[in-house]
Amino acid sequence: MLALGHRKVLLVGNDAHSGVQQDRIGGMIDVLKGVASYEVCWTSDGFPDLGQKHEQGVSAIMTVSDLLALRVVTEAARQGLECPQAISVIG
């Protein structure tokens, strides 16, 4: 994502109480710190409005799993955001 020029990233997990997911988000943060801005979102608190996030400058979404990445791509398409033209997604 960084090599593609993304500098505002949304990090998405399912369960903030999962140690595995916390570790994955933590690893993403370690890579992004000082290089890109990021926001963490947990779907257990509600699925993010991807259109709004895109309008706020988010150009990439990193998720804790491939299954969640597929959901993000599906939700993005429902909101009129094509992947990867409008927003990049990785699981």
PDB file of N, CA and C in Angstrom:
ATOM      1  N   MET A   1       0.829  -1.188   0.000  1.00  0.00           N
ATOM      2  CA  MET A   1       0.000   0.000   0.000  1.00  0.00           C
ATOM      3  C   MET A   1       0.873   1.252   0.000  1.00  0.00           C
ATOM      4  N   LEU A   2       1.904   1.234   0.807  1.00  0.00           N
ATOM      5  CA  LEU A   2       2.782   2.402   0.866  1.00  0.00           C
ATOM      6  C   LEU A   2       3.504   2.610  -0.458  1.00  0.00           C
ATOM      7  N   ALA A   3       3.951   1.528  -1.076  1.00  0.00           N
ATOM      8  CA  ALA A   3       4.655   1.630  -2.354  1.00  0.00           C
ATOM      9  C   ALA A   3       3.747   2.175  -3.455  1.00  0.00           C
ATOM     10  N   LEU A   4       2.438   2.006  -3.300  1.00  0.00           N
ATOM     11  CA  LEU A   4       1.481   2.536  -4.267  1.00  0.00           C
ATOM     12  C   LEU A   4       1.122   3.992  -3.998  1.00  0.00           C
ATOM     13  N   GLY A   5       1.677   4.554  -2.909  1.00  0.00           N
ATOM     14  CA  GLY A   5       1.452   5.964  -2.608  1.00  0.00           C
ATOM     15  C   GLY A   5       0.331   6.267  -1.641  1.00  0.00           C
ATOM     16  N   HIS A   6      -0.265   5.254  -1.066  1.00  0.00           N
ATOM     17  CA  HIS A   6      -1.354   5.487  -0.117  1.00  0.00           C
ATOM     18  C   HIS A   6      -0.797   6.078   1.180  1.00  0.00           C
ATOM     19  N   ARG A   7      -1.417   7.169   1.635  1.00  0.00           N
ATOM     20  CA  ARG A   7      -0.944   7.837   2.844  1.00  0.00           C
ATOM     21  C   ARG A   7      -2.044   8.079   3.870  1.00  0.00           C
ATOM     22  N   LYS A   8      -3.263   7.666   3.555  1.00  0.00           N
ATOM     23  CA  LYS A   8      -4.364   7.722   4.518  1.00  0.00           C
ATOM     24  C   LYS A   8      -5.091   6.378   4.437  1.00  0.00           C
ATOM     25  N   VAL A   9      -4.975   5.603   5.516  1.00  0.00           N
ATOM     26  CA  VAL A   9      -5.383   4.208   5.495  1.00  0.00           C
ATOM     27  C   VAL A   9      -6.395   3.939   6.609  1.00  0.00           C
ATOM     28  N   LEU A  10      -7.403   3.151   6.290  1.00  0.00           N
ATOM     29  CA  LEU A  10      -8.366   2.686   7.279  1.00  0.00           C
ATOM     30  C   LEU A  10      -8.019   1.244   7.619  1.00  0.00           C
ATOM     31  N   LEU A  11      -7.826   0.956   8.904  1.00  0.00           N
ATOM     32  CA  LEU A  11      -7.531  -0.392   9.384  1.00  0.00           C
ATOM     33  C   LEU A  11      -8.821  -0.961   9.958  1.00  0.00           C
ATOM     34  N   VAL A  12      -9.242  -2.127   9.474  1.00  0.00           N
ATOM     35  CA  VAL A  12     -10.536  -2.672   9.855  1.00  0.00           C
ATOM     36  C   VAL A  12     -10.378  -4.066  10.461  1.00  0.00           C
ATOM     37  N   GLY A  13     -10.967  -4.228  11.639  1.00  0.00           N
ATOM     38  CA  GLY A  13     -11.020  -5.523  12.307  1.00  0.00           C
ATOM     39  C   GLY A  13     -12.448  -5.842  12.680  1.00  0.00           C
ATOM     40  N   ASN A  14     -12.682  -7.110  13.061  1.00  0.00           N
ATOM     41  CA  ASN A  14     -14.028  -7.540  13.456  1.00  0.00           C
ATOM     42  C   ASN A  14     -14.261  -7.397  14.952  1.00  0.00           C
ATOM     43  N   ASP A  15     -13.253  -7.773  15.743  1.00  0.00           N
ATOM     44  CA  ASP A  15     -13.450  -7.948  17.173  1.00  0.00           C
ATOM     45  C   ASP A  15     -12.282  -7.354  17.956  1.00  0.00           C
ATOM     46  N   ALA A  16     -12.523  -6.231  18.600  1.00  0.00           N
ATOM     47  CA  ALA A  16     -11.471  -5.542  19.360  1.00  0.00           C
ATOM     48  C   ALA A  16     -10.994  -6.354  20.561  1.00  0.00           C
ATOM     49  N   HIS A  17     -11.733  -7.380  20.950  1.00  0.00           N
ATOM     50  CA  HIS A  17     -11.356  -8.212  22.096  1.00  0.00           C
ATOM     51  C   HIS A  17     -10.493  -9.406  21.695  1.00  0.00           C
ATOM     52  N   SER A  18     -10.300  -9.607  20.402  1.00  0.00           N
ATOM     53  CA  SER A  18      -9.494 -10.716  19.905  1.00  0.00           C
ATOM     54  C   SER A  18      -8.011 -10.353  19.958  1.00  0.00           C
ATOM     55  N   GLY A  19      -7.241 -11.147  20.664  1.00  0.00           N
ATOM     56  CA  GLY A  19      -5.803 -10.915  20.736  1.00  0.00           C
ATOM     57  C   GLY A  19      -5.138 -11.025  19.381  1.00  0.00           C
ATOM     58  N   VAL A  20      -5.567 -11.990  18.575  1.00  0.00           N
ATOM     59  CA  VAL A  20      -5.004 -12.172  17.238  1.00  0.00           C
ATOM     60  C   VAL A  20      -5.263 -10.929  16.388  1.00  0.00           C
ATOM     61  N   GLN A  21      -6.488 -10.434  16.422  1.00  0.00           N
ATOM     62  CA  GLN A  21      -6.809  -9.253  15.618  1.00  0.00           C
ATOM     63  C   GLN A  21      -6.076  -8.020  16.139  1.00  0.00           C
ATOM     64  N   GLN A  22      -5.951  -7.895  17.446  1.00  0.00           N
ATOM     65  CA  GLN A  22      -5.186  -6.779  18.016  1.00  0.00           C
ATOM     66  C   GLN A  22      -3.735  -6.839  17.533  1.00  0.00           C
ATOM     67  N   ASP A  23      -3.163  -8.039  17.506  1.00  0.00           N
ATOM     68  CA  ASP A  23      -1.785  -8.197  17.023  1.00  0.00           C
ATOM     69  C   ASP A  23      -1.669  -7.804  15.552  1.00  0.00           C
ATOM     70  N   ARG A  24      -2.635  -8.200  14.749  1.00  0.00           N
ATOM     71  CA  ARG A  24      -2.592  -7.857  13.322  1.00  0.00           C
ATOM     72  C   ARG A  24      -2.712  -6.352  13.112  1.00  0.00           C
ATOM     73  N   ILE A  25      -3.635  -5.727  13.815  1.00  0.00           N
ATOM     74  CA  ILE A  25      -3.779  -4.269  13.718  1.00  0.00           C
ATOM     75  C   ILE A  25      -2.493  -3.599  14.213  1.00  0.00           C
ATOM     76  N   GLY A  26      -1.936  -4.112  15.304  1.00  0.00           N
ATOM     77  CA  GLY A  26      -0.686  -3.561  15.837  1.00  0.00           C
ATOM     78  C   GLY A  26       0.447  -3.634  14.836  1.00  0.00           C
ATOM     79  N   GLY A  27       0.546  -4.733  14.104  1.00  0.00           N
ATOM     80  CA  GLY A  27       1.572  -4.858  13.071  1.00  0.00           C
ATOM     81  C   GLY A  27       1.375  -3.854  11.951  1.00  0.00           C
ATOM     82  N   MET A  28       0.131  -3.639  11.572  1.00  0.00           N
ATOM     83  CA  MET A  28      -0.164  -2.643  10.535  1.00  0.00           C
ATOM     84  C   MET A  28       0.243  -1.250  11.006  1.00  0.00           C
ATOM     85  N   ILE A  29      -0.090  -0.945  12.249  1.00  0.00           N
ATOM     86  CA  ILE A  29       0.254   0.365  12.810  1.00  0.00           C
ATOM     87  C   ILE A  29       1.762   0.548  12.844  1.00  0.00           C
ATOM     88  N   ASP A  30       2.494  -0.481  13.237  1.00  0.00           N
ATOM     89  CA  ASP A  30       3.960  -0.391  13.281  1.00  0.00           C
ATOM     90  C   ASP A  30       4.539  -0.007  11.923  1.00  0.00           C
ATOM     91  N   VAL A  31       3.975  -0.554  10.860  1.00  0.00           N
ATOM     92  CA  VAL A  31       4.459  -0.258   9.506  1.00  0.00           C
ATOM     93  C   VAL A  31       4.058   1.145   9.059  1.00  0.00           C
ATOM     94  N   LEU A  32       2.868   1.588   9.448  1.00  0.00           N
ATOM     95  CA  LEU A  32       2.349   2.875   8.979  1.00  0.00           C
ATOM     96  C   LEU A  32       2.853   4.080   9.778  1.00  0.00           C
ATOM     97  N   LYS A  33       3.217   3.869  11.031  1.00  0.00           N
ATOM     98  CA  LYS A  33       3.631   4.983  11.897  1.00  0.00           C
ATOM     99  C   LYS A  33       4.712   5.827  11.240  1.00  0.00           C
ATOM    100  N   GLY A  34       4.464   7.120  11.218  1.00  0.00           N
ATOM    101  CA  GLY A  34       5.439   8.055  10.678  1.00  0.00           C
ATOM    102  C   GLY A  34       5.470   8.138   9.162  1.00  0.00           C
ATOM    103  N   VAL A  35       4.716   7.262   8.495  1.00  0.00           N
ATOM    104  CA  VAL A  35       4.728   7.238   7.034  1.00  0.00           C
ATOM    105  C   VAL A  35       3.353   7.577   6.457  1.00  0.00           C
ATOM    106  N   ALA A  36       2.315   7.143   7.156  1.00  0.00           N
ATOM    107  CA  ALA A  36       0.945   7.364   6.686  1.00  0.00           C
ATOM    108  C   ALA A  36       0.038   7.590   7.891  1.00  0.00           C
ATOM    109  N   SER A  37      -1.052   8.293   7.671  1.00  0.00           N
ATOM    110  CA  SER A  37      -2.042   8.433   8.743  1.00  0.00           C
ATOM    111  C   SER A  37      -2.994   7.248   8.659  1.00  0.00           C
ATOM    112  N   TYR A  38      -3.565   6.895   9.784  1.00  0.00           N
ATOM    113  CA  TYR A  38      -4.444   5.737   9.824  1.00  0.00           C
ATOM    114  C   TYR A  38      -5.515   5.931  10.883  1.00  0.00           C
ATOM    115  N   GLU A  39      -6.579   5.178  10.709  1.00  0.00           N
ATOM    116  CA  GLU A  39      -7.675   5.136  11.670  1.00  0.00           C
ATOM    117  C   GLU A  39      -8.052   3.673  11.829  1.00  0.00           C
ATOM    118  N   VAL A  40      -8.300   3.243  13.058  1.00  0.00           N
ATOM    119  CA  VAL A  40      -8.725   1.874  13.326  1.00  0.00           C
ATOM    120  C   VAL A  40     -10.237   1.856  13.498  1.00  0.00           C
ATOM    121  N   CYS A  41     -10.878   0.903  12.847  1.00  0.00           N
ATOM    122  CA  CYS A  41     -12.326   0.749  12.928  1.00  0.00           C
ATOM    123  C   CYS A  41     -12.635  -0.721  13.190  1.00  0.00           C
ATOM    124  N   TRP A  42     -13.507  -0.969  14.156  1.00  0.00           N
ATOM    125  CA  TRP A  42     -13.941  -2.327  14.486  1.00  0.00           C
ATOM    126  C   TRP A  42     -15.371  -2.503  14.029  1.00  0.00           C
ATOM    127  N   THR A  43     -15.630  -3.514  13.214  1.00  0.00           N
ATOM    128  CA  THR A  43     -16.976  -3.710  12.697  1.00  0.00           C
ATOM    129  C   THR A  43     -17.951  -4.119  13.797  1.00  0.00           C
ATOM    130  N   SER A  44     -17.447  -4.607  14.917  1.00  0.00           N
ATOM    131  CA  SER A  44     -18.341  -4.923  16.037  1.00  0.00           C
ATOM    132  C   SER A  44     -19.014  -3.658  16.570  1.00  0.00           C
ATOM    133  N   ASP A  45     -18.433  -2.489  16.269  1.00  0.00           N
ATOM    134  CA  ASP A  45     -19.020  -1.201  16.649  1.00  0.00           C
ATOM    135  C   ASP A  45     -19.881  -0.624  15.532  1.00  0.00           C
ATOM    136  N   GLY A  46     -19.995  -1.344  14.436  1.00  0.00           N
ATOM    137  CA  GLY A  46     -20.741  -0.886  13.271  1.00  0.00           C
ATOM    138  C   GLY A  46     -19.819  -0.787  12.068  1.00  0.00           C
ATOM    139  N   PHE A  47     -20.339  -1.130  10.893  1.00  0.00           N
ATOM    140  CA  PHE A  47     -19.507  -1.099   9.695  1.00  0.00           C
ATOM    141  C   PHE A  47     -19.284   0.349   9.270  1.00  0.00           C
ATOM    142  N   PRO A  48     -18.058   0.702   8.917  1.00  0.00           N
ATOM    143  CA  PRO A  48     -17.780   2.092   8.563  1.00  0.00           C
ATOM    144  C   PRO A  48     -18.465   2.518   7.264  1.00  0.00           C
ATOM    145  N   ASP A  49     -18.775   3.794   7.169  1.00  0.00           N
ATOM    146  CA  ASP A  49     -19.316   4.369   5.944  1.00  0.00           C
ATOM    147  C   ASP A  49     -18.119   4.610   5.019  1.00  0.00           C
ATOM    148  N   LEU A  50     -17.900   3.698   4.096  1.00  0.00           N
ATOM    149  CA  LEU A  50     -16.711   3.755   3.246  1.00  0.00           C
ATOM    150  C   LEU A  50     -16.726   4.958   2.307  1.00  0.00           C
ATOM    151  N   GLY A  51     -17.909   5.355   1.860  1.00  0.00           N
ATOM    152  CA  GLY A  51     -18.014   6.548   1.016  1.00  0.00           C
ATOM    153  C   GLY A  51     -17.549   7.783   1.761  1.00  0.00           C
ATOM    154  N   GLN A  52     -17.972   7.903   3.006  1.00  0.00           N
ATOM    155  CA  GLN A  52     -17.558   9.033   3.836  1.00  0.00           C
ATOM    156  C   GLN A  52     -16.054   8.994   4.097  1.00  0.00           C
ATOM    157  N   LYS A  53     -15.526   7.820   4.394  1.00  0.00           N
ATOM    158  CA  LYS A  53     -14.083   7.686   4.646  1.00  0.00           C
ATOM    159  C   LYS A  53     -13.298   8.076   3.396  1.00  0.00           C
ATOM    160  N   HIS A  54     -13.798   7.657   2.232  1.00  0.00           N
ATOM    161  CA  HIS A  54     -13.141   8.011   0.971  1.00  0.00           C
ATOM    162  C   HIS A  54     -13.159   9.531   0.760  1.00  0.00           C
ATOM    163  N   GLU A  55     -14.294  10.152   1.049  1.00  0.00           N
ATOM    164  CA  GLU A  55     -14.388  11.613   0.930  1.00  0.00           C
ATOM    165  C   GLU A  55     -13.422  12.316   1.881  1.00  0.00           C
ATOM    166  N   GLN A  56     -13.116  11.680   3.016  1.00  0.00           N
ATOM    167  CA  GLN A  56     -12.172  12.238   3.989  1.00  0.00           C
ATOM    168  C   GLN A  56     -10.716  11.958   3.613  1.00  0.00           C
ATOM    169  N   GLY A  57     -10.516  11.314   2.469  1.00  0.00           N
ATOM    170  CA  GLY A  57      -9.157  11.107   1.969  1.00  0.00           C
ATOM    171  C   GLY A  57      -8.612   9.709   2.097  1.00  0.00           C
ATOM    172  N   VAL A  58      -9.367   8.787   2.676  1.00  0.00           N
ATOM    173  CA  VAL A  58      -8.896   7.404   2.777  1.00  0.00           C
ATOM    174  C   VAL A  58      -8.812   6.824   1.366  1.00  0.00           C
ATOM    175  N   SER A  59      -7.638   6.306   1.025  1.00  0.00           N
ATOM    176  CA  SER A  59      -7.458   5.717  -0.304  1.00  0.00           C
ATOM    177  C   SER A  59      -7.167   4.227  -0.231  1.00  0.00           C
ATOM    178  N   ALA A  60      -6.959   3.705   0.994  1.00  0.00           N
ATOM    179  CA  ALA A  60      -6.658   2.287   1.152  1.00  0.00           C
ATOM    180  C   ALA A  60      -7.265   1.755   2.445  1.00  0.00           C
ATOM    181  N   ILE A  61      -7.649   0.484   2.396  1.00  0.00           N
ATOM    182  CA  ILE A  61      -8.198  -0.187   3.567  1.00  0.00           C
ATOM    183  C   ILE A  61      -7.428  -1.485   3.760  1.00  0.00           C
ATOM    184  N   MET A  62      -6.952  -1.689   4.982  1.00  0.00           N
ATOM    185  CA  MET A  62      -6.267  -2.927   5.345  1.00  0.00           C
ATOM    186  C   MET A  62      -7.123  -3.629   6.395  1.00  0.00           C
ATOM    187  N   THR A  63      -7.382  -4.923   6.187  1.00  0.00           N
ATOM    188  CA  THR A  63      -8.235  -5.672   7.101  1.00  0.00           C
ATOM    189  C   THR A  63      -7.448  -6.798   7.776  1.00  0.00           C
ATOM    190  N   VAL A  64      -8.025  -7.339   8.835  1.00  0.00           N
ATOM    191  CA  VAL A  64      -7.365  -8.407   9.588  1.00  0.00           C
ATOM    192  C   VAL A  64      -7.505  -9.776   8.936  1.00  0.00           C
ATOM    193  N   SER A  65      -8.345  -9.889   7.884  1.00  0.00           N
ATOM    194  CA  SER A  65      -8.519 -11.183   7.212  1.00  0.00           C
ATOM    195  C   SER A  65      -8.981 -10.977   5.776  1.00  0.00           C
ATOM    196  N   ASP A  66      -8.770 -11.998   4.973  1.00  0.00           N
ATOM    197  CA  ASP A  66      -9.247 -11.955   3.592  1.00  0.00           C
ATOM    198  C   ASP A  66     -10.769 -11.927   3.532  1.00  0.00           C
ATOM    199  N   LEU A  67     -11.416 -12.641   4.436  1.00  0.00           N
ATOM    200  CA  LEU A  67     -12.876 -12.657   4.458  1.00  0.00           C
ATOM    201  C   LEU A  67     -13.435 -11.265   4.735  1.00  0.00           C
ATOM    202  N   LEU A  68     -12.815 -10.549   5.657  1.00  0.00           N
ATOM    203  CA  LEU A  68     -13.251  -9.185   5.943  1.00  0.00           C
ATOM    204  C   LEU A  68     -12.936  -8.266   4.762  1.00  0.00           C
ATOM    205  N   ALA A  69     -11.817  -8.505   4.092  1.00  0.00           N
ATOM    206  CA  ALA A  69     -11.485  -7.710   2.900  1.00  0.00           C
ATOM    207  C   ALA A  69     -12.551  -7.895   1.823  1.00  0.00           C
ATOM    208  N   LEU A  70     -13.037  -9.126   1.661  1.00  0.00           N
ATOM    209  CA  LEU A  70     -14.103  -9.379   0.687  1.00  0.00           C
ATOM    210  C   LEU A  70     -15.367  -8.612   1.054  1.00  0.00           C
ATOM    211  N   ARG A  71     -15.684  -8.574   2.328  1.00  0.00           N
ATOM    212  CA  ARG A  71     -16.860  -7.801   2.774  1.00  0.00           C
ATOM    213  C   ARG A  71     -16.665  -6.314   2.484  1.00  0.00           C
ATOM    214  N   VAL A  72     -15.450  -5.815   2.717  1.00  0.00           N
ATOM    215  CA  VAL A  72     -15.163  -4.405   2.449  1.00  0.00           C
ATOM    216  C   VAL A  72     -15.328  -4.106   0.963  1.00  0.00           C
ATOM    217  N   VAL A  73     -14.809  -4.973   0.104  1.00  0.00           N
ATOM    218  CA  VAL A  73     -14.942  -4.764  -1.346  1.00  0.00           C
ATOM    219  C   VAL A  73     -16.422  -4.756  -1.740  1.00  0.00           C
ATOM    220  N   THR A  74     -17.194  -5.666  -1.163  1.00  0.00           N
ATOM    221  CA  THR A  74     -18.632  -5.733  -1.450  1.00  0.00           C
ATOM    222  C   THR A  74     -19.346  -4.473  -0.989  1.00  0.00           C
ATOM    223  N   GLU A  75     -19.062  -4.031   0.228  1.00  0.00           N
ATOM    224  CA  GLU A  75     -19.684  -2.810   0.767  1.00  0.00           C
ATOM    225  C   GLU A  75     -19.248  -1.581  -0.029  1.00  0.00           C
ATOM    226  N   ALA A  76     -17.992  -1.540  -0.418  1.00  0.00           N
ATOM    227  CA  ALA A  76     -17.502  -0.409  -1.222  1.00  0.00           C
ATOM    228  C   ALA A  76     -18.281  -0.338  -2.543  1.00  0.00           C
ATOM    229  N   ALA A  77     -18.460  -1.471  -3.185  1.00  0.00           N
ATOM    230  CA  ALA A  77     -19.194  -1.504  -4.455  1.00  0.00           C
ATOM    231  C   ALA A  77     -20.639  -1.041  -4.267  1.00  0.00           C
ATOM    232  N   ARG A  78     -21.250  -1.438  -3.158  1.00  0.00           N
ATOM    233  CA  ARG A  78     -22.630  -0.993  -2.878  1.00  0.00           C
ATOM    234  C   ARG A  78     -22.709   0.520  -2.727  1.00  0.00           C
ATOM    235  N   GLN A  79     -21.601   1.119  -2.301  1.00  0.00           N
ATOM    236  CA  GLN A  79     -21.574   2.566  -2.095  1.00  0.00           C
ATOM    237  C   GLN A  79     -20.970   3.300  -3.299  1.00  0.00           C
ATOM    238  N   GLY A  80     -20.771   2.584  -4.398  1.00  0.00           N
ATOM    239  CA  GLY A  80     -20.298   3.204  -5.626  1.00  0.00           C
ATOM    240  C   GLY A  80     -18.795   3.375  -5.725  1.00  0.00           C
ATOM    241  N   LEU A  81     -18.045   2.701  -4.861  1.00  0.00           N
ATOM    242  CA  LEU A  81     -16.582   2.785  -4.896  1.00  0.00           C
ATOM    243  C   LEU A  81     -16.015   1.525  -5.537  1.00  0.00           C
ATOM    244  N   GLU A  82     -15.372   1.679  -6.665  1.00  0.00           N
ATOM    245  CA  GLU A  82     -14.760   0.536  -7.341  1.00  0.00           C
ATOM    246  C   GLU A  82     -13.376   0.272  -6.762  1.00  0.00           C
ATOM    247  N   CYS A  83     -13.075  -0.995  -6.578  1.00  0.00           N
ATOM    248  CA  CYS A  83     -11.760  -1.405  -6.099  1.00  0.00           C
ATOM    249  C   CYS A  83     -11.001  -2.020  -7.278  1.00  0.00           C
ATOM    250  N   PRO A  84      -9.823  -1.623  -7.552  1.00  0.00           N
ATOM    251  CA  PRO A  84      -8.958  -0.706  -6.830  1.00  0.00           C
ATOM    252  C   PRO A  84      -8.938   0.709  -7.389  1.00  0.00           C
ATOM    253  N   GLN A  85      -9.823   1.035  -8.344  1.00  0.00           N
ATOM    254  CA  GLN A  85      -9.779   2.369  -8.948  1.00  0.00           C
ATOM    255  C   GLN A  85      -9.997   3.471  -7.934  1.00  0.00           C
ATOM    256  N   ALA A  86     -11.024   3.362  -7.102  1.00  0.00           N
ATOM    257  CA  ALA A  86     -11.330   4.413  -6.139  1.00  0.00           C
ATOM    258  C   ALA A  86     -10.645   4.168  -4.794  1.00  0.00           C
ATOM    259  N   ILE A  87     -10.541   2.907  -4.419  1.00  0.00           N
ATOM    260  CA  ILE A  87      -9.988   2.581  -3.116  1.00  0.00           C
ATOM    261  C   ILE A  87      -9.335   1.194  -3.187  1.00  0.00           C
ATOM    262  N   SER A  88      -8.189   1.058  -2.566  1.00  0.00           N
ATOM    263  CA  SER A  88      -7.473  -0.217  -2.541  1.00  0.00           C
ATOM    264  C   SER A  88      -7.800  -0.959  -1.262  1.00  0.00           C
ATOM    265  N   VAL A  89      -7.893  -2.293  -1.371  1.00  0.00           N
ATOM    266  CA  VAL A  89      -8.243  -3.118  -0.211  1.00  0.00           C
ATOM    267  C   VAL A  89      -7.291  -4.307  -0.162  1.00  0.00           C
ATOM    268  N   ILE A  90      -6.841  -4.640   1.055  1.00  0.00           N
ATOM    269  CA  ILE A  90      -5.997  -5.815   1.258  1.00  0.00           C
ATOM    270  C   ILE A  90      -6.414  -6.503   2.552  1.00  0.00           C
ATOM    271  N   GLY A  91      -6.345  -7.828   2.547  1.00  0.00           N
ATOM    272  CA  GLY A  91      -6.667  -8.616   3.723  1.00  0.00           C
ATOM    273  C   GLY A  91      -5.429  -9.195   4.358  1.00  0.00           C
TER     274      GLY A  91
END
